[in-house]
mmCIF file of all heavy atoms, coordinates in Angstrom:
data_MODEL
# 
_entry.id   MODEL 
# 
loop_
_atom_site.group_PDB 
_atom_site.id 
_atom_site.type_symbol 
_atom_site.label_atom_id 
_atom_site.label_alt_id 
_atom_site.label_comp_id 
_atom_site.label_asym_id 
_atom_site.label_entity_id 
_atom_site.label_seq_id 
_atom_site.pdbx_PDB_ins_code 
_atom_site.Cartn_x 
_atom_site.Cartn_y 
_atom_site.Cartn_z 
_atom_site.occupancy 
_atom_site.B_iso_or_equiv 
_atom_site.pdbx_formal_charge 
_atom_site.auth_seq_id 
_atom_site.auth_comp_id 
_atom_site.auth_asym_id 
_atom_site.auth_atom_id 
_atom_site.pdbx_PDB_model_num 
ATOM 1   N N   . ALA A 1 1  ? 59.438 -4.382 -31.175 1.00 0.00 ? 1  ALA A N   1 
ATOM 2   C CA  . ALA A 1 1  ? 58.539 -5.052 -32.133 1.00 0.00 ? 1  ALA A CA  1 
ATOM 3   C C   . ALA A 1 1  ? 57.177 -4.392 -32.236 1.00 0.00 ? 1  ALA A C   1 
ATOM 4   O O   . ALA A 1 1  ? 56.611 -4.366 -33.269 1.00 0.00 ? 1  ALA A O   1 
ATOM 5   C CB  . ALA A 1 1  ? 58.386 -6.496 -31.669 1.00 0.00 ? 1  ALA A CB  1 
ATOM 6   N N   . ASP A 1 2  ? 56.756 -3.708 -31.186 1.00 0.00 ? 2  ASP A N   1 
ATOM 7   C CA  . ASP A 1 2  ? 55.496 -3.058 -31.246 1.00 0.00 ? 2  ASP A CA  1 
ATOM 8   C C   . ASP A 1 2  ? 55.597 -1.654 -31.725 1.00 0.00 ? 2  ASP A C   1 
ATOM 9   O O   . ASP A 1 2  ? 54.555 -0.880 -31.897 1.00 0.00 ? 2  ASP A O   1 
ATOM 10  C CB  . ASP A 1 2  ? 54.745 -3.070 -29.858 1.00 0.00 ? 2  ASP A CB  1 
ATOM 11  C CG  . ASP A 1 2  ? 55.580 -2.304 -28.858 1.00 0.00 ? 2  ASP A CG  1 
ATOM 12  O OD1 . ASP A 1 2  ? 56.555 -1.704 -29.079 1.00 0.00 ? 2  ASP A OD1 1 
ATOM 13  O OD2 . ASP A 1 2  ? 55.173 -2.495 -27.628 1.00 0.00 ? 2  ASP A OD2 1 
ATOM 14  N N   . GLY A 1 3  ? 56.743 -1.209 -32.073 1.00 0.00 ? 3  GLY A N   1 
ATOM 15  C CA  . GLY A 1 3  ? 56.903 0.136  -32.569 1.00 0.00 ? 3  GLY A CA  1 
ATOM 16  C C   . GLY A 1 3  ? 56.854 1.242  -31.563 1.00 0.00 ? 3  GLY A C   1 
ATOM 17  O O   . GLY A 1 3  ? 56.847 2.417  -31.986 1.00 0.00 ? 3  GLY A O   1 
ATOM 18  N N   . ARG A 1 4  ? 56.778 0.956  -30.321 1.00 0.00 ? 4  ARG A N   1 
ATOM 19  C CA  . ARG A 1 4  ? 56.580 2.069  -29.313 1.00 0.00 ? 4  ARG A CA  1 
ATOM 20  C C   . ARG A 1 4  ? 57.881 2.705  -28.796 1.00 0.00 ? 4  ARG A C   1 
ATOM 21  O O   . ARG A 1 4  ? 57.927 3.789  -28.348 1.00 0.00 ? 4  ARG A O   1 
ATOM 22  C CB  . ARG A 1 4  ? 55.878 1.455  -28.098 1.00 0.00 ? 4  ARG A CB  1 
ATOM 23  C CG  . ARG A 1 4  ? 54.394 1.062  -28.492 1.00 0.00 ? 4  ARG A CG  1 
ATOM 24  C CD  . ARG A 1 4  ? 53.690 0.597  -27.244 1.00 0.00 ? 4  ARG A CD  1 
ATOM 25  N NE  . ARG A 1 4  ? 54.471 -0.027 -26.144 1.00 0.00 ? 4  ARG A NE  1 
ATOM 26  C CZ  . ARG A 1 4  ? 54.280 0.039  -24.893 1.00 0.00 ? 4  ARG A CZ  1 
ATOM 27  N NH1 . ARG A 1 4  ? 53.137 0.622  -24.456 1.00 0.00 ? 4  ARG A NH1 1 
ATOM 28  N NH2 . ARG A 1 4  ? 55.060 -0.496 -24.064 1.00 0.00 ? 4  ARG A NH2 1 
ATOM 29  N N   . PHE A 1 5  ? 58.993 1.993  -28.865 1.00 0.00 ? 5  PHE A N   1 
ATOM 30  C CA  . PHE A 1 5  ? 60.310 2.451  -28.381 1.00 0.00 ? 5  PHE A CA  1 
ATOM 31  C C   . PHE A 1 5  ? 61.448 2.306  -29.375 1.00 0.00 ? 5  PHE A C   1 
ATOM 32  O O   . PHE A 1 5  ? 61.505 1.414  -30.179 1.00 0.00 ? 5  PHE A O   1 
ATOM 33  C CB  . PHE A 1 5  ? 60.733 1.643  -27.197 1.00 0.00 ? 5  PHE A CB  1 
ATOM 34  C CG  . PHE A 1 5  ? 59.775 1.740  -25.988 1.00 0.00 ? 5  PHE A CG  1 
ATOM 35  C CD1 . PHE A 1 5  ? 58.744 0.826  -25.798 1.00 0.00 ? 5  PHE A CD1 1 
ATOM 36  C CD2 . PHE A 1 5  ? 59.857 2.904  -25.227 1.00 0.00 ? 5  PHE A CD2 1 
ATOM 37  C CE1 . PHE A 1 5  ? 57.918 0.967  -24.738 1.00 0.00 ? 5  PHE A CE1 1 
ATOM 38  C CE2 . PHE A 1 5  ? 58.988 3.021  -24.070 1.00 0.00 ? 5  PHE A CE2 1 
ATOM 39  C CZ  . PHE A 1 5  ? 57.980 2.036  -23.848 1.00 0.00 ? 5  PHE A CZ  1 
ATOM 40  N N   . LEU A 1 6  ? 62.356 3.319  -29.319 1.00 0.00 ? 6  LEU A N   1 
ATOM 41  C CA  . LEU A 1 6  ? 63.564 3.253  -30.136 1.00 0.00 ? 6  LEU A CA  1 
ATOM 42  C C   . LEU A 1 6  ? 64.680 3.432  -29.161 1.00 0.00 ? 6  LEU A C   1 
ATOM 43  O O   . LEU A 1 6  ? 64.780 4.287  -28.421 1.00 0.00 ? 6  LEU A O   1 
ATOM 44  C CB  . LEU A 1 6  ? 63.565 4.495  -31.074 1.00 0.00 ? 6  LEU A CB  1 
ATOM 45  C CG  . LEU A 1 6  ? 64.908 4.780  -31.820 1.00 0.00 ? 6  LEU A CG  1 
ATOM 46  C CD1 . LEU A 1 6  ? 65.041 3.727  -32.875 1.00 0.00 ? 6  LEU A CD1 1 
ATOM 47  C CD2 . LEU A 1 6  ? 64.927 6.099  -32.417 1.00 0.00 ? 6  LEU A CD2 1 
ATOM 48  N N   . ALA A 1 7  ? 65.639 2.405  -29.320 1.00 0.00 ? 7  ALA A N   1 
ATOM 49  C CA  . ALA A 1 7  ? 66.787 2.419  -28.541 1.00 0.00 ? 7  ALA A CA  1 
ATOM 50  C C   . ALA A 1 7  ? 67.955 2.843  -29.479 1.00 0.00 ? 7  ALA A C   1 
ATOM 51  O O   . ALA A 1 7  ? 67.950 2.437  -30.624 1.00 0.00 ? 7  ALA A O   1 
ATOM 52  C CB  . ALA A 1 7  ? 67.095 1.168  -27.901 1.00 0.00 ? 7  ALA A CB  1 
ATOM 53  N N   . TYR A 1 8  ? 68.969 3.531  -29.014 1.00 0.00 ? 8  TYR A N   1 
ATOM 54  C CA  . TYR A 1 8  ? 70.076 3.975  -29.888 1.00 0.00 ? 8  TYR A CA  1 
ATOM 55  C C   . TYR A 1 8  ? 71.292 4.277  -29.076 1.00 0.00 ? 8  TYR A C   1 
ATOM 56  O O   . TYR A 1 8  ? 71.099 4.572  -27.829 1.00 0.00 ? 8  TYR A O   1 
ATOM 57  C CB  . TYR A 1 8  ? 69.721 5.186  -30.850 1.00 0.00 ? 8  TYR A CB  1 
ATOM 58  C CG  . TYR A 1 8  ? 69.284 6.382  -30.137 1.00 0.00 ? 8  TYR A CG  1 
ATOM 59  C CD1 . TYR A 1 8  ? 70.255 7.442  -29.863 1.00 0.00 ? 8  TYR A CD1 1 
ATOM 60  C CD2 . TYR A 1 8  ? 68.008 6.582  -29.709 1.00 0.00 ? 8  TYR A CD2 1 
ATOM 61  C CE1 . TYR A 1 8  ? 69.869 8.565  -29.295 1.00 0.00 ? 8  TYR A CE1 1 
ATOM 62  C CE2 . TYR A 1 8  ? 67.609 7.800  -29.095 1.00 0.00 ? 8  TYR A CE2 1 
ATOM 63  C CZ  . TYR A 1 8  ? 68.538 8.731  -28.797 1.00 0.00 ? 8  TYR A CZ  1 
ATOM 64  O OH  . TYR A 1 8  ? 68.213 9.876  -28.200 1.00 0.00 ? 8  TYR A OH  1 
ATOM 65  N N   . VAL A 1 9  ? 72.449 4.362  -29.745 1.00 0.00 ? 9  VAL A N   1 
ATOM 66  C CA  . VAL A 1 9  ? 73.683 4.657  -29.083 1.00 0.00 ? 9  VAL A CA  1 
ATOM 67  C C   . VAL A 1 9  ? 73.990 6.066  -29.488 1.00 0.00 ? 9  VAL A C   1 
ATOM 68  O O   . VAL A 1 9  ? 73.965 6.510  -30.569 1.00 0.00 ? 9  VAL A O   1 
ATOM 69  C CB  . VAL A 1 9  ? 74.837 3.846  -29.517 1.00 0.00 ? 9  VAL A CB  1 
ATOM 70  C CG1 . VAL A 1 9  ? 76.199 4.257  -28.997 1.00 0.00 ? 9  VAL A CG1 1 
ATOM 71  C CG2 . VAL A 1 9  ? 74.664 2.358  -29.052 1.00 0.00 ? 9  VAL A CG2 1 
ATOM 72  N N   . GLU A 1 10 ? 74.218 6.935  -28.476 1.00 0.00 ? 10 GLU A N   1 
ATOM 73  C CA  . GLU A 1 10 ? 74.626 8.365  -28.694 1.00 0.00 ? 10 GLU A CA  1 
ATOM 74  C C   . GLU A 1 10 ? 76.218 8.396  -28.603 1.00 0.00 ? 10 GLU A C   1 
ATOM 75  O O   . GLU A 1 10 ? 76.778 7.951  -27.537 1.00 0.00 ? 10 GLU A O   1 
ATOM 76  C CB  . GLU A 1 10 ? 73.951 9.200  -27.627 1.00 0.00 ? 10 GLU A CB  1 
ATOM 77  C CG  . GLU A 1 10 ? 74.146 10.711 -27.776 1.00 0.00 ? 10 GLU A CG  1 
ATOM 78  C CD  . GLU A 1 10 ? 73.321 11.253 -29.006 1.00 0.00 ? 10 GLU A CD  1 
ATOM 79  O OE1 . GLU A 1 10 ? 72.146 10.827 -29.143 1.00 0.00 ? 10 GLU A OE1 1 
ATOM 80  O OE2 . GLU A 1 10 ? 73.825 12.117 -29.731 1.00 0.00 ? 10 GLU A OE2 1 
ATOM 81  N N   . GLN A 1 11 ? 76.837 8.896  -29.533 1.00 0.00 ? 11 GLN A N   1 
ATOM 82  C CA  . GLN A 1 11 ? 78.329 8.933  -29.554 1.00 0.00 ? 11 GLN A CA  1 
ATOM 83  C C   . GLN A 1 11 ? 78.728 10.376 -29.561 1.00 0.00 ? 11 GLN A C   1 
ATOM 84  O O   . GLN A 1 11 ? 78.619 10.989 -30.597 1.00 0.00 ? 11 GLN A O   1 
ATOM 85  C CB  . GLN A 1 11 ? 78.858 8.148  -30.733 1.00 0.00 ? 11 GLN A CB  1 
ATOM 86  C CG  . GLN A 1 11 ? 80.435 8.101  -30.664 1.00 0.00 ? 11 GLN A CG  1 
ATOM 87  C CD  . GLN A 1 11 ? 81.058 6.966  -31.317 1.00 0.00 ? 11 GLN A CD  1 
ATOM 88  O OE1 . GLN A 1 11 ? 80.393 6.052  -31.688 1.00 0.00 ? 11 GLN A OE1 1 
ATOM 89  N NE2 . GLN A 1 11 ? 82.396 7.059  -31.535 1.00 0.00 ? 11 GLN A NE2 1 
ATOM 90  N N   . ILE A 1 12 ? 79.477 10.752 -28.557 1.00 0.00 ? 12 ILE A N   1 
ATOM 91  C CA  . ILE A 1 12 ? 80.075 12.126 -28.421 1.00 0.00 ? 12 ILE A CA  1 
ATOM 92  C C   . ILE A 1 12 ? 81.606 11.852 -28.314 1.00 0.00 ? 12 ILE A C   1 
ATOM 93  O O   . ILE A 1 12 ? 82.096 11.414 -27.254 1.00 0.00 ? 12 ILE A O   1 
ATOM 94  C CB  . ILE A 1 12 ? 79.518 12.915 -27.181 1.00 0.00 ? 12 ILE A CB  1 
ATOM 95  C CG1 . ILE A 1 12 ? 78.053 12.973 -27.183 1.00 0.00 ? 12 ILE A CG1 1 
ATOM 96  C CG2 . ILE A 1 12 ? 80.120 14.304 -27.183 1.00 0.00 ? 12 ILE A CG2 1 
ATOM 97  C CD1 . ILE A 1 12 ? 77.383 13.682 -28.360 1.00 0.00 ? 12 ILE A CD1 1 
ATOM 98  N N   . GLY A 1 13 ? 82.350 12.155 -29.283 1.00 0.00 ? 13 GLY A N   1 
ATOM 99  C CA  . GLY A 1 13 ? 83.738 11.820 -29.384 1.00 0.00 ? 13 GLY A CA  1 
ATOM 100 C C   . GLY A 1 13 ? 83.903 10.332 -29.287 1.00 0.00 ? 13 GLY A C   1 
ATOM 101 O O   . GLY A 1 13 ? 83.280 9.580  -30.079 1.00 0.00 ? 13 GLY A O   1 
ATOM 102 N N   . SER A 1 14 ? 84.647 9.820  -28.336 1.00 0.00 ? 14 SER A N   1 
ATOM 103 C CA  . SER A 1 14 ? 84.834 8.384  -28.183 1.00 0.00 ? 14 SER A CA  1 
ATOM 104 C C   . SER A 1 14 ? 83.807 7.797  -27.057 1.00 0.00 ? 14 SER A C   1 
ATOM 105 O O   . SER A 1 14 ? 83.831 6.651  -26.840 1.00 0.00 ? 14 SER A O   1 
ATOM 106 C CB  . SER A 1 14 ? 86.233 8.047  -27.824 1.00 0.00 ? 14 SER A CB  1 
ATOM 107 O OG  . SER A 1 14 ? 86.529 8.718  -26.582 1.00 0.00 ? 14 SER A OG  1 
ATOM 108 N N   . ASP A 1 15 ? 83.062 8.714  -26.448 1.00 0.00 ? 15 ASP A N   1 
ATOM 109 C CA  . ASP A 1 15 ? 82.103 8.279  -25.441 1.00 0.00 ? 15 ASP A CA  1 
ATOM 110 C C   . ASP A 1 15 ? 80.899 7.726  -26.063 1.00 0.00 ? 15 ASP A C   1 
ATOM 111 O O   . ASP A 1 15 ? 80.250 8.447  -26.874 1.00 0.00 ? 15 ASP A O   1 
ATOM 112 C CB  . ASP A 1 15 ? 81.854 9.343  -24.405 1.00 0.00 ? 15 ASP A CB  1 
ATOM 113 C CG  . ASP A 1 15 ? 83.027 9.721  -23.537 1.00 0.00 ? 15 ASP A CG  1 
ATOM 114 O OD1 . ASP A 1 15 ? 83.880 8.861  -23.444 1.00 0.00 ? 15 ASP A OD1 1 
ATOM 115 O OD2 . ASP A 1 15 ? 83.037 10.840 -23.087 1.00 0.00 ? 15 ASP A OD2 1 
ATOM 116 N N   . GLN A 1 16 ? 80.311 6.634  -25.543 1.00 0.00 ? 16 GLN A N   1 
ATOM 117 C CA  . GLN A 1 16 ? 79.063 6.077  -26.177 1.00 0.00 ? 16 GLN A CA  1 
ATOM 118 C C   . GLN A 1 16 ? 78.126 5.783  -24.941 1.00 0.00 ? 16 GLN A C   1 
ATOM 119 O O   . GLN A 1 16 ? 78.503 5.274  -23.948 1.00 0.00 ? 16 GLN A O   1 
ATOM 120 C CB  . GLN A 1 16 ? 79.334 4.738  -26.788 1.00 0.00 ? 16 GLN A CB  1 
ATOM 121 C CG  . GLN A 1 16 ? 80.125 4.930  -28.179 1.00 0.00 ? 16 GLN A CG  1 
ATOM 122 C CD  . GLN A 1 16 ? 80.326 3.553  -28.825 1.00 0.00 ? 16 GLN A CD  1 
ATOM 123 O OE1 . GLN A 1 16 ? 80.435 2.655  -28.223 1.00 0.00 ? 16 GLN A OE1 1 
ATOM 124 N NE2 . GLN A 1 16 ? 80.296 3.664  -30.110 1.00 0.00 ? 16 GLN A NE2 1 
ATOM 125 N N   . SER A 1 17 ? 76.894 6.178  -25.072 1.00 0.00 ? 17 SER A N   1 
ATOM 126 C CA  . SER A 1 17 ? 75.865 6.018  -24.095 1.00 0.00 ? 17 SER A CA  1 
ATOM 127 C C   . SER A 1 17 ? 74.621 5.431  -24.872 1.00 0.00 ? 17 SER A C   1 
ATOM 128 O O   . SER A 1 17 ? 74.502 5.514  -26.031 1.00 0.00 ? 17 SER A O   1 
ATOM 129 C CB  . SER A 1 17 ? 75.485 7.287  -23.313 1.00 0.00 ? 17 SER A CB  1 
ATOM 130 O OG  . SER A 1 17 ? 75.187 8.271  -24.300 1.00 0.00 ? 17 SER A OG  1 
ATOM 131 N N   . VAL A 1 18 ? 73.787 4.749  -24.068 1.00 0.00 ? 18 VAL A N   1 
ATOM 132 C CA  . VAL A 1 18 ? 72.609 4.205  -24.672 1.00 0.00 ? 18 VAL A CA  1 
ATOM 133 C C   . VAL A 1 18 ? 71.297 5.046  -24.230 1.00 0.00 ? 18 VAL A C   1 
ATOM 134 O O   . VAL A 1 18 ? 71.158 5.278  -22.996 1.00 0.00 ? 18 VAL A O   1 
ATOM 135 C CB  . VAL A 1 18 ? 72.425 2.680  -24.228 1.00 0.00 ? 18 VAL A CB  1 
ATOM 136 C CG1 . VAL A 1 18 ? 71.105 2.074  -24.769 1.00 0.00 ? 18 VAL A CG1 1 
ATOM 137 C CG2 . VAL A 1 18 ? 73.582 1.768  -24.638 1.00 0.00 ? 18 VAL A CG2 1 
ATOM 138 N N   . TRP A 1 19 ? 70.516 5.202  -25.148 1.00 0.00 ? 19 TRP A N   1 
ATOM 139 C CA  . TRP A 1 19 ? 69.319 6.117  -24.861 1.00 0.00 ? 19 TRP A CA  1 
ATOM 140 C C   . TRP A 1 19 ? 68.096 5.344  -25.432 1.00 0.00 ? 19 TRP A C   1 
ATOM 141 O O   . TRP A 1 19 ? 68.205 4.540  -26.306 1.00 0.00 ? 19 TRP A O   1 
ATOM 142 C CB  . TRP A 1 19 ? 69.344 7.364  -25.708 1.00 0.00 ? 19 TRP A CB  1 
ATOM 143 C CG  . TRP A 1 19 ? 70.495 8.251  -25.108 1.00 0.00 ? 19 TRP A CG  1 
ATOM 144 C CD1 . TRP A 1 19 ? 71.811 8.132  -25.257 1.00 0.00 ? 19 TRP A CD1 1 
ATOM 145 C CD2 . TRP A 1 19 ? 70.367 9.482  -24.275 1.00 0.00 ? 19 TRP A CD2 1 
ATOM 146 N NE1 . TRP A 1 19 ? 72.525 9.111  -24.608 1.00 0.00 ? 19 TRP A NE1 1 
ATOM 147 C CE2 . TRP A 1 19 ? 71.646 10.009 -24.018 1.00 0.00 ? 19 TRP A CE2 1 
ATOM 148 C CE3 . TRP A 1 19 ? 69.303 10.119 -23.748 1.00 0.00 ? 19 TRP A CE3 1 
ATOM 149 C CZ2 . TRP A 1 19 ? 71.810 11.067 -23.272 1.00 0.00 ? 19 TRP A CZ2 1 
ATOM 150 C CZ3 . TRP A 1 19 ? 69.430 11.245 -23.001 1.00 0.00 ? 19 TRP A CZ3 1 
ATOM 151 C CH2 . TRP A 1 19 ? 70.731 11.632 -22.717 1.00 0.00 ? 19 TRP A CH2 1 
ATOM 152 N N   . ILE A 1 20 ? 66.898 5.590  -24.805 1.00 0.00 ? 20 ILE A N   1 
ATOM 153 C CA  . ILE A 1 20 ? 65.629 5.027  -25.305 1.00 0.00 ? 20 ILE A CA  1 
ATOM 154 C C   . ILE A 1 20 ? 64.634 6.218  -25.508 1.00 0.00 ? 20 ILE A C   1 
ATOM 155 O O   . ILE A 1 20 ? 64.644 7.110  -24.700 1.00 0.00 ? 20 ILE A O   1 
ATOM 156 C CB  . ILE A 1 20 ? 65.080 4.000  -24.398 1.00 0.00 ? 20 ILE A CB  1 
ATOM 157 C CG1 . ILE A 1 20 ? 64.006 3.166  -25.043 1.00 0.00 ? 20 ILE A CG1 1 
ATOM 158 C CG2 . ILE A 1 20 ? 64.742 4.479  -23.099 1.00 0.00 ? 20 ILE A CG2 1 
ATOM 159 C CD1 . ILE A 1 20 ? 63.878 1.741  -24.614 1.00 0.00 ? 20 ILE A CD1 1 
ATOM 160 N N   . ARG A 1 21 ? 63.962 6.116  -26.541 1.00 0.00 ? 21 ARG A N   1 
ATOM 161 C CA  . ARG A 1 21 ? 62.896 7.108  -26.897 1.00 0.00 ? 21 ARG A CA  1 
ATOM 162 C C   . ARG A 1 21 ? 61.574 6.460  -26.944 1.00 0.00 ? 21 ARG A C   1 
ATOM 163 O O   . ARG A 1 21 ? 61.379 5.459  -27.646 1.00 0.00 ? 21 ARG A O   1 
ATOM 164 C CB  . ARG A 1 21 ? 63.268 7.856  -28.185 1.00 0.00 ? 21 ARG A CB  1 
ATOM 165 C CG  . ARG A 1 21 ? 62.202 8.870  -28.539 1.00 0.00 ? 21 ARG A CG  1 
ATOM 166 C CD  . ARG A 1 21 ? 62.500 9.451  -29.874 1.00 0.00 ? 21 ARG A CD  1 
ATOM 167 N NE  . ARG A 1 21 ? 61.349 10.335 -30.223 1.00 0.00 ? 21 ARG A NE  1 
ATOM 168 C CZ  . ARG A 1 21 ? 61.493 11.646 -30.442 1.00 0.00 ? 21 ARG A CZ  1 
ATOM 169 N NH1 . ARG A 1 21 ? 62.600 12.178 -30.418 1.00 0.00 ? 21 ARG A NH1 1 
ATOM 170 N NH2 . ARG A 1 21 ? 60.480 12.296 -30.849 1.00 0.00 ? 21 ARG A NH2 1 
ATOM 171 N N   . GLN A 1 22 ? 60.607 7.009  -26.286 1.00 0.00 ? 22 GLN A N   1 
ATOM 172 C CA  . GLN A 1 22 ? 59.189 6.590  -26.345 1.00 0.00 ? 22 GLN A CA  1 
ATOM 173 C C   . GLN A 1 22 ? 58.673 7.421  -27.536 1.00 0.00 ? 22 GLN A C   1 
ATOM 174 O O   . GLN A 1 22 ? 58.465 8.611  -27.468 1.00 0.00 ? 22 GLN A O   1 
ATOM 175 C CB  . GLN A 1 22 ? 58.482 6.819  -25.096 1.00 0.00 ? 22 GLN A CB  1 
ATOM 176 C CG  . GLN A 1 22 ? 57.116 6.209  -25.083 1.00 0.00 ? 22 GLN A CG  1 
ATOM 177 C CD  . GLN A 1 22 ? 56.378 6.334  -23.652 1.00 0.00 ? 22 GLN A CD  1 
ATOM 178 O OE1 . GLN A 1 22 ? 56.937 6.915  -22.800 1.00 0.00 ? 22 GLN A OE1 1 
ATOM 179 N NE2 . GLN A 1 22 ? 55.238 5.772  -23.619 1.00 0.00 ? 22 GLN A NE2 1 
ATOM 180 N N   . ILE A 1 23 ? 58.322 6.705  -28.567 1.00 0.00 ? 23 ILE A N   1 
ATOM 181 C CA  . ILE A 1 23 ? 58.021 7.278  -29.877 1.00 0.00 ? 23 ILE A CA  1 
ATOM 182 C C   . ILE A 1 23 ? 56.759 8.200  -29.795 1.00 0.00 ? 23 ILE A C   1 
ATOM 183 O O   . ILE A 1 23 ? 56.716 9.322  -30.308 1.00 0.00 ? 23 ILE A O   1 
ATOM 184 C CB  . ILE A 1 23 ? 57.958 6.385  -31.082 1.00 0.00 ? 23 ILE A CB  1 
ATOM 185 C CG1 . ILE A 1 23 ? 59.331 5.809  -31.229 1.00 0.00 ? 23 ILE A CG1 1 
ATOM 186 C CG2 . ILE A 1 23 ? 57.415 6.950  -32.270 1.00 0.00 ? 23 ILE A CG2 1 
ATOM 187 C CD1 . ILE A 1 23 ? 59.467 4.674  -32.308 1.00 0.00 ? 23 ILE A CD1 1 
ATOM 188 N N   . ALA A 1 24 ? 55.665 7.655  -29.094 1.00 0.00 ? 24 ALA A N   1 
ATOM 189 C CA  . ALA A 1 24 ? 54.413 8.366  -29.084 1.00 0.00 ? 24 ALA A CA  1 
ATOM 190 C C   . ALA A 1 24 ? 54.464 9.716  -28.445 1.00 0.00 ? 24 ALA A C   1 
ATOM 191 O O   . ALA A 1 24 ? 53.763 10.664 -28.870 1.00 0.00 ? 24 ALA A O   1 
ATOM 192 C CB  . ALA A 1 24 ? 53.401 7.510  -28.315 1.00 0.00 ? 24 ALA A CB  1 
# 
């Protein structure tokens, strides 16, 4: 909500992992 972090799913083939990025 504060725009500081982006979470996303990284998909390589059928494998999925969760990542977080500190935007600043």
